Amino acid sequence: MSTVSKRRRPDEGKVDKDRTYGLEEGLDLLKSSAKVRFDEAIDVAVNLGIDPKKSDQGVRGAVSLPNGTGRSRSVIAFVKDPAKQEAAREAGAAEVGDDELVAKVAAGWTGFDVAIAAPDMMGQVGKLGKVLGPQGKMPTPKSGTVTPNVAEAVKAFAAGKVEFRADAGGTVHAAVGKRSFDTEKLAENVRAFITALNALKPATSKGTYLKKVVVSSTMGPGVMVDTSAPA
């Protein structure tokens, strides 16, 4: 049985677990919770009306949030072409390379957040599945991490472009900002994320697609919200 900490009890009491709040109201509720010593991340979790066991109902993608996430990310790039390697470095890639970088990752190095790959590198990068797959860092076309425009992708992901993927329970999680963000900016980010999810609705998914949307802070309670546009 889980217990609620003394610090968190007052915050839990503020939230009606059976109520769906307006998005802005729910975010304001999170921002009014007891403060901690760091700038908490604000996350969104969306339970989808899909069957994750069916290959044609997988949901995976990436979205550039209009106001960023408040966190820069370490990005590496697998590229052969020397000119594109230099462009990736200028765009902010922490590491750029071809065979040597593949070998470094194959040896177990995963000290980065996102891996970008040029299409002509996937023959080699594909062998890194056992290393990158379990961490969700394997480059894929669906998430925009396999692309001929490597420098552009590096810049976008380093600035906070968000990757997402439905888990075994059909739920997608993503960071959408920091507690220090204005409520309006957080709401814009959440709605941009929801728009990206809607665009990826599998054709075979029946019934309600967005079943439940919950926003939470790192140390705060979850708040169920309605993400439709305000009247």
Protein backbone atom coordinates (compact mmCIF):
# COMPACT_ATOMS: atom_id res chain seq x y z
CA MET A 1 0.00 0.00 0.00
CA SER A 2 1.45 3.36 -1.02
CA THR A 3 1.67 6.18 1.51
CA VAL A 4 1.45 9.92 0.94
CA SER A 5 4.22 12.06 2.44
CA LYS A 6 3.43 14.72 5.04
CA ARG A 7 4.54 17.41 2.56
CA ARG A 8 2.22 16.11 -0.16
CA ARG A 9 -0.93 15.52 1.92
CA PRO A 10 -2.26 19.11 1.67
CA ASP A 11 -1.79 19.03 -2.13
CA GLU A 12 -3.62 15.71 -2.44
CA GLY A 13 -6.53 17.23 -0.54
CA LYS A 14 -6.85 20.04 -3.07
CA VAL A 15 -7.52 17.67 -5.96
CA ASP A 16 -10.92 16.07 -6.51
CA LYS A 17 -9.96 12.69 -8.03
CA ASP A 18 -13.43 12.27 -9.56
CA ARG A 19 -13.43 15.65 -11.29
CA THR A 20 -12.14 16.65 -14.71
CA TYR A 21 -10.70 20.17 -14.52
CA GLY A 22 -10.33 22.67 -17.31
CA LEU A 23 -6.74 22.55 -18.57
CA GLU A 24 -5.74 25.99 -17.32
CA GLU A 25 -7.51 25.39 -13.99
CA GLY A 26 -5.73 22.07 -13.56
CA LEU A 27 -2.34 23.60 -14.34
CA ASP A 28 -3.00 26.46 -11.90
CA LEU A 29 -3.80 23.83 -9.27
CA LEU A 30 -0.43 22.17 -9.87
CA LYS A 31 1.40 25.48 -9.71
CA SER A 32 -0.29 26.31 -6.39
CA SER A 33 0.97 23.12 -4.72
CA ALA A 34 3.68 23.21 -2.07
CA LYS A 35 6.97 24.38 -3.56
CA VAL A 36 10.15 22.34 -3.54
CA ARG A 37 13.76 23.44 -3.97
CA PHE A 38 13.94 22.86 -7.70
CA ASP A 39 11.95 23.85 -10.77
CA GLU A 40 9.68 20.82 -11.14
CA ALA A 41 8.89 19.35 -14.55
CA ILE A 42 5.27 19.38 -15.64
CA ASP A 43 4.26 16.13 -17.31
CA VAL A 44 1.23 14.91 -19.20
CA ALA A 45 0.02 11.32 -19.38
CA VAL A 46 -2.61 10.35 -21.94
CA ASN A 47 -4.39 6.99 -21.85
CA LEU A 48 -5.36 6.06 -25.41
CA GLY A 49 -8.15 3.89 -26.75
CA ILE A 50 -5.77 1.54 -28.55
CA ASP A 51 -4.67 -2.07 -28.24
CA PRO A 52 -0.86 -1.85 -27.92
CA LYS A 53 -0.58 -5.58 -28.65
CA LYS A 54 -1.73 -4.97 -32.22
CA SER A 55 1.08 -3.83 -34.52
CA ASP A 56 -1.25 -1.51 -36.46
CA GLN A 57 -2.25 0.37 -33.30
CA GLY A 58 1.15 1.49 -32.11
CA VAL A 59 1.46 5.22 -31.48
CA ARG A 60 4.90 6.80 -31.72
CA GLY A 61 6.09 10.21 -32.85
CA ALA A 62 7.69 13.52 -31.92
CA VAL A 63 6.51 17.10 -31.59
CA SER A 64 8.19 20.49 -31.24
CA LEU A 65 6.38 22.24 -28.40
CA PRO A 66 5.72 25.95 -29.05
CA ASN A 67 7.32 27.00 -25.76
CA GLY A 68 9.95 24.27 -25.42
CA THR A 69 10.32 22.05 -22.37
CA GLY A 70 12.67 24.23 -20.33
CA ARG A 71 15.37 21.60 -20.62
CA SER A 72 18.14 21.28 -23.17
CA ARG A 73 18.96 17.74 -24.29
CA SER A 74 22.20 16.06 -25.29
CA VAL A 75 22.01 14.90 -28.92
CA ILE A 76 24.41 12.74 -30.92
CA ALA A 77 24.44 12.27 -34.70
CA PHE A 78 25.47 9.31 -36.82
CA VAL A 79 26.64 10.84 -40.10
CA LYS A 80 29.15 9.87 -42.81
CA ASP A 81 29.33 12.99 -44.96
CA PRO A 82 32.02 15.38 -43.60
CA ALA A 83 30.01 18.49 -44.52
CA LYS A 84 26.91 17.15 -42.74
CA GLN A 85 29.06 16.19 -39.76
CA GLU A 86 30.25 19.78 -39.43
CA ALA A 87 26.69 21.08 -39.83
CA ALA A 88 25.51 18.74 -37.05
CA ARG A 89 28.25 20.03 -34.74
CA GLU A 90 27.30 23.62 -35.47
CA ALA A 91 23.67 22.74 -34.74
CA GLY A 92 24.66 21.61 -31.25
CA ALA A 93 25.36 17.87 -31.44
CA ALA A 94 27.40 16.66 -28.47
CA GLU A 95 29.01 13.88 -30.53
CA VAL A 96 29.13 13.35 -34.29
CA GLY A 97 30.62 10.47 -36.23
CA ASP A 98 30.17 7.27 -38.21
CA ASP A 99 31.99 3.99 -37.52
CA GLU A 100 33.82 5.20 -34.40
CA LEU A 101 30.63 6.57 -32.85
CA VAL A 102 28.77 3.34 -33.63
CA ALA A 103 31.56 1.36 -31.94
CA LYS A 104 31.49 3.65 -28.89
CA VAL A 105 27.74 3.14 -28.40
CA ALA A 106 28.04 -0.60 -29.10
CA ALA A 107 30.53 -0.77 -26.21
CA GLY A 108 27.80 0.53 -23.89
CA TRP A 109 28.07 4.33 -23.94
CA THR A 110 24.61 5.91 -23.64
CA GLY A 111 25.44 9.27 -22.09
CA PHE A 112 23.05 11.22 -24.31
CA ASP A 113 19.30 11.84 -24.58
CA VAL A 114 18.63 11.54 -28.32
CA ALA A 115 20.36 9.85 -31.25
CA ILE A 116 19.90 11.17 -34.79
CA ALA A 117 20.98 9.19 -37.85
CA ALA A 118 21.31 9.89 -41.55
CA PRO A 119 19.51 7.21 -43.64
CA ASP A 120 22.77 5.87 -45.08
CA MET A 121 24.00 5.11 -41.54
CA MET A 122 21.09 2.88 -40.54
CA GLY A 123 22.78 -0.28 -41.82
CA GLN A 124 25.31 0.17 -39.00
CA VAL A 125 23.11 1.93 -36.45
CA GLY A 126 20.51 -0.83 -36.79
CA LYS A 127 22.97 -3.16 -35.03
CA LEU A 128 22.70 -1.01 -31.89
CA GLY A 129 19.14 -2.12 -31.15
CA LYS A 130 20.10 -4.09 -28.03
CA VAL A 131 21.83 -1.02 -26.57
CA LEU A 132 19.51 1.79 -27.67
CA GLY A 133 16.17 -0.03 -27.91
CA PRO A 134 15.58 -0.63 -24.18
CA GLN A 135 16.28 3.05 -23.47
CA GLY A 136 14.00 4.34 -26.21
CA LYS A 137 16.93 5.97 -28.00
CA MET A 138 16.94 3.96 -31.23
CA PRO A 139 16.62 6.33 -34.24
CA THR A 140 13.41 5.80 -36.24
CA PRO A 141 11.77 7.62 -39.16
CA LYS A 142 8.47 7.88 -37.23
CA SER A 143 10.05 9.96 -34.50
CA GLY A 144 12.01 12.12 -36.94
CA THR A 145 15.36 10.82 -35.72
CA VAL A 146 16.25 9.17 -39.03
CA THR A 147 16.44 11.98 -41.55
CA PRO A 148 18.63 13.39 -44.34
CA ASN A 149 18.29 16.79 -42.59
CA VAL A 150 20.48 15.81 -39.66
CA ALA A 151 21.51 19.33 -38.59
CA GLU A 152 17.89 20.50 -38.56
CA ALA A 153 16.87 17.50 -36.42
CA VAL A 154 19.78 18.03 -34.02
CA LYS A 155 18.77 21.65 -33.50
CA ALA A 156 15.11 20.75 -32.90
CA PHE A 157 15.75 17.94 -30.42
CA ALA A 158 18.48 19.84 -28.57
CA ALA A 159 15.96 22.66 -28.07
CA GLY A 160 13.44 20.26 -26.55
CA LYS A 161 11.54 18.49 -29.31
CA VAL A 162 9.63 15.72 -27.53
CA GLU A 163 9.57 12.06 -28.55
CA PHE A 164 6.71 9.90 -27.33
CA ARG A 165 5.59 6.30 -27.54
CA ALA A 166 2.59 4.39 -26.16
CA ASP A 167 3.59 1.94 -23.44
CA ALA A 168 2.21 -1.56 -22.87
CA GLY A 169 -0.86 -0.07 -21.18
CA GLY A 170 -1.66 2.25 -24.08
CA THR A 171 -0.50 5.37 -22.22
CA VAL A 172 1.80 8.06 -23.62
CA HIS A 173 3.92 10.23 -21.30
CA ALA A 174 5.75 13.49 -22.05
CA ALA A 175 7.34 16.43 -20.31
CA VAL A 176 5.60 19.65 -21.38
CA GLY A 177 7.48 22.31 -19.45
CA LYS A 178 8.52 23.53 -16.02
CA ARG A 179 6.55 24.79 -13.05
CA SER A 180 8.10 28.24 -13.60
CA PHE A 181 6.36 28.50 -17.01
CA ASP A 182 3.27 30.69 -17.26
CA THR A 183 0.04 28.69 -17.22
CA GLU A 184 -0.76 29.88 -20.75
CA LYS A 185 2.55 28.55 -22.09
CA LEU A 186 2.07 25.21 -20.39
CA ALA A 187 -1.46 24.96 -21.81
CA GLU A 188 -0.19 25.75 -25.31
CA ASN A 189 2.39 22.97 -24.98
CA VAL A 190 -0.15 20.44 -23.73
CA ARG A 191 -2.55 21.24 -26.59
CA ALA A 192 0.27 20.98 -29.14
CA PHE A 193 1.09 17.54 -27.74
CA ILE A 194 -2.57 16.48 -27.91
CA THR A 195 -2.79 17.71 -31.51
CA ALA A 196 0.23 15.58 -32.41
CA LEU A 197 -1.36 12.55 -30.74
CA ASN A 198 -4.65 13.07 -32.58
CA ALA A 199 -2.81 13.18 -35.90
CA LEU A 200 -1.40 9.72 -35.17
CA LYS A 201 -4.70 8.01 -34.31
CA PRO A 202 -4.58 4.50 -35.84
CA ALA A 203 -7.28 3.88 -38.43
CA THR A 204 -8.18 0.63 -36.65
CA SER A 205 -8.68 2.30 -33.25
CA LYS A 206 -12.37 2.31 -32.37
CA GLY A 207 -14.32 4.22 -29.74
CA THR A 208 -12.86 7.01 -27.62
CA TYR A 209 -9.25 7.70 -28.57
CA LEU A 210 -8.21 10.16 -25.83
CA LYS A 211 -9.65 8.31 -22.85
CA LYS A 212 -7.97 10.18 -20.01
CA VAL A 213 -5.53 13.09 -19.79
CA VAL A 214 -3.66 13.75 -16.54
CA VAL A 215 -1.14 16.51 -15.80
CA SER A 216 1.25 16.34 -12.87
CA SER A 217 4.37 17.93 -11.47
CA THR A 218 7.45 16.00 -10.37
CA MET A 219 6.47 16.02 -6.70
CA GLY A 220 2.79 16.89 -6.98
CA PRO A 221 -0.49 15.00 -7.45
CA GLY A 222 -2.04 14.04 -10.77
CA VAL A 223 -4.91 16.21 -12.05
CA MET A 224 -7.36 14.94 -14.66
CA VAL A 225 -7.99 17.64 -17.29
CA ASP A 226 -10.07 18.47 -20.34
CA THR A 227 -7.76 19.54 -23.18
CA SER A 228 -10.41 20.98 -25.50
CA ALA A 229 -9.91 24.61 -26.41
CA PRO A 230 -11.32 27.09 -23.87
CA ALA A 231 -14.63 28.77 -24.76
